[in-house]
Amino acid sequence: MYTLLGSIFVFFAFLSIYFSIGTSTFDTLAYANFTSTKQIAFFVLFVVGFAVKIPIMPVHIWLPEAHMLKHLH
């Protein structure tokens, strides 16, 4: 469930970018003129999502428990 939450943040960021400019190609993103508010929102969504998925400190505490549960079964 924890990694699903991280995925939802990243997915919402991608959807927001797609619906803002109508495409998701990197060539178009290089020339997109997002407001500073949107840029900050996208950054926060990606950082929170990837902090869970990578994992980054301090949200990495789930990782050892997940691997230990896998080995116990």
C-alpha atoms as a PDB file:
ATOM      1  CA  MET A   1       0.000   0.000   0.000  1.00  0.00           C
ATOM      2  CA  TYR A   2       2.871   2.322   0.806  1.00  0.00           C
ATOM      3  CA  THR A   3       4.478   2.020  -2.631  1.00  0.00           C
ATOM      4  CA  LEU A   4       1.069   2.365  -4.260  1.00  0.00           C
ATOM      5  CA  LEU A   5       0.709   5.759  -2.589  1.00  0.00           C
ATOM      6  CA  GLY A   6       4.058   6.819  -4.055  1.00  0.00           C
ATOM      7  CA  SER A   7       2.954   5.625  -7.473  1.00  0.00           C
ATOM      8  CA  ILE A   8      -0.237   7.637  -7.226  1.00  0.00           C
ATOM      9  CA  PHE A   9       1.733  10.856  -6.620  1.00  0.00           C
ATOM     10  CA  VAL A  10       3.933  10.224  -9.665  1.00  0.00           C
ATOM     11  CA  PHE A  11       0.972   9.186 -11.811  1.00  0.00           C
ATOM     12  CA  PHE A  12      -0.976  12.316 -10.821  1.00  0.00           C
ATOM     13  CA  ALA A  13       2.025  14.477 -11.745  1.00  0.00           C
ATOM     14  CA  PHE A  14       2.255  12.841 -15.179  1.00  0.00           C
ATOM     15  CA  LEU A  15      -1.482  13.199 -15.748  1.00  0.00           C
ATOM     16  CA  SER A  16      -1.390  16.853 -14.711  1.00  0.00           C
ATOM     17  CA  ILE A  17       1.431  17.557 -17.151  1.00  0.00           C
ATOM     18  CA  TYR A  18      -0.365  15.690 -19.926  1.00  0.00           C
ATOM     19  CA  PHE A  19      -3.627  17.569 -19.455  1.00  0.00           C
ATOM     20  CA  SER A  20      -1.810  20.893 -19.139  1.00  0.00           C
ATOM     21  CA  ILE A  21      -0.069  20.700 -22.526  1.00  0.00           C
ATOM     22  CA  GLY A  22      -1.881  17.882 -24.311  1.00  0.00           C
ATOM     23  CA  THR A  23       1.102  15.578 -24.782  1.00  0.00           C
ATOM     24  CA  SER A  24       3.794  13.852 -22.800  1.00  0.00           C
ATOM     25  CA  THR A  25       6.710  13.888 -25.241  1.00  0.00           C
ATOM     26  CA  PHE A  26       9.987  15.211 -23.886  1.00  0.00           C
ATOM     27  CA  ASP A  27      10.497  17.479 -26.911  1.00  0.00           C
ATOM     28  CA  THR A  28       7.291  19.334 -26.133  1.00  0.00           C
ATOM     29  CA  LEU A  29       8.034  19.479 -22.410  1.00  0.00           C
ATOM     30  CA  ALA A  30      11.281  21.329 -23.123  1.00  0.00           C
ATOM     31  CA  TYR A  31       9.303  24.208 -24.641  1.00  0.00           C
ATOM     32  CA  ALA A  32       6.278  24.170 -22.325  1.00  0.00           C
ATOM     33  CA  ASN A  33       5.690  27.369 -20.391  1.00  0.00           C
ATOM     34  CA  PHE A  34       4.439  26.251 -17.002  1.00  0.00           C
ATOM     35  CA  THR A  35       3.757  28.809 -14.331  1.00  0.00           C
ATOM     36  CA  SER A  36       6.025  28.753 -11.313  1.00  0.00           C
ATOM     37  CA  THR A  37       3.142  27.456  -9.199  1.00  0.00           C
ATOM     38  CA  LYS A  38       2.649  24.471 -11.535  1.00  0.00           C
ATOM     39  CA  GLN A  39       6.381  23.807 -11.628  1.00  0.00           C
ATOM     40  CA  ILE A  40       6.526  23.711  -7.834  1.00  0.00           C
ATOM     41  CA  ALA A  41       3.450  21.458  -7.681  1.00  0.00           C
ATOM     42  CA  PHE A  42       4.952  19.039 -10.226  1.00  0.00           C
ATOM     43  CA  PHE A  43       8.263  19.036  -8.360  1.00  0.00           C
ATOM     44  CA  VAL A  44       6.593  18.284  -5.023  1.00  0.00           C
ATOM     45  CA  LEU A  45       4.499  15.479  -6.521  1.00  0.00           C
ATOM     46  CA  PHE A  46       7.543  13.875  -8.141  1.00  0.00           C
ATOM     47  CA  VAL A  47       9.744  14.233  -5.050  1.00  0.00           C
ATOM     48  CA  VAL A  48       7.131  12.761  -2.719  1.00  0.00           C
ATOM     49  CA  GLY A  49       6.342   9.943  -5.122  1.00  0.00           C
ATOM     50  CA  PHE A  50       9.941   9.041  -5.867  1.00  0.00           C
ATOM     51  CA  ALA A  51      10.957   9.431  -2.223  1.00  0.00           C
ATOM     52  CA  VAL A  52       8.721   6.468  -1.494  1.00  0.00           C
ATOM     53  CA  LYS A  53       9.629   4.516  -4.618  1.00  0.00           C
ATOM     54  CA  ILE A  54      13.431   4.919  -4.500  1.00  0.00           C
ATOM     55  CA  PRO A  55      13.422   5.079  -1.202  1.00  0.00           C
ATOM     56  CA  ILE A  56      14.838   8.301   0.211  1.00  0.00           C
ATOM     57  CA  MET A  57      15.470   9.014   3.886  1.00  0.00           C
ATOM     58  CA  PRO A  58      13.274   9.302   6.060  1.00  0.00           C
ATOM     59  CA  VAL A  59      10.554   7.454   4.136  1.00  0.00           C
ATOM     60  CA  HIS A  60      12.756   4.395   3.598  1.00  0.00           C
ATOM     61  CA  ILE A  61      11.757   2.740   6.859  1.00  0.00           C
ATOM     62  CA  TRP A  62       9.250   0.460   5.108  1.00  0.00           C
ATOM     63  CA  LEU A  63      11.894  -1.234   2.965  1.00  0.00           C
ATOM     64  CA  PRO A  64      13.614  -3.512   5.524  1.00  0.00           C
ATOM     65  CA  GLU A  65      10.282  -4.634   6.934  1.00  0.00           C
ATOM     66  CA  ALA A  66       8.939  -5.465   3.486  1.00  0.00           C
ATOM     67  CA  HIS A  67      11.974  -7.568   2.665  1.00  0.00           C
ATOM     68  CA  MET A  68      11.952  -9.341   6.018  1.00  0.00           C
ATOM     69  CA  LEU A  69       8.288 -10.274   5.623  1.00  0.00           C
ATOM     70  CA  LYS A  70       9.068 -11.694   2.201  1.00  0.00           C
ATOM     71  CA  HIS A  71      11.782 -13.924   3.638  1.00  0.00           C
ATOM     72  CA  LEU A  72       9.693 -15.090   6.580  1.00  0.00           C
ATOM     73  CA  HIS A  73       6.997 -16.644   4.399  1.00  0.00           C
END
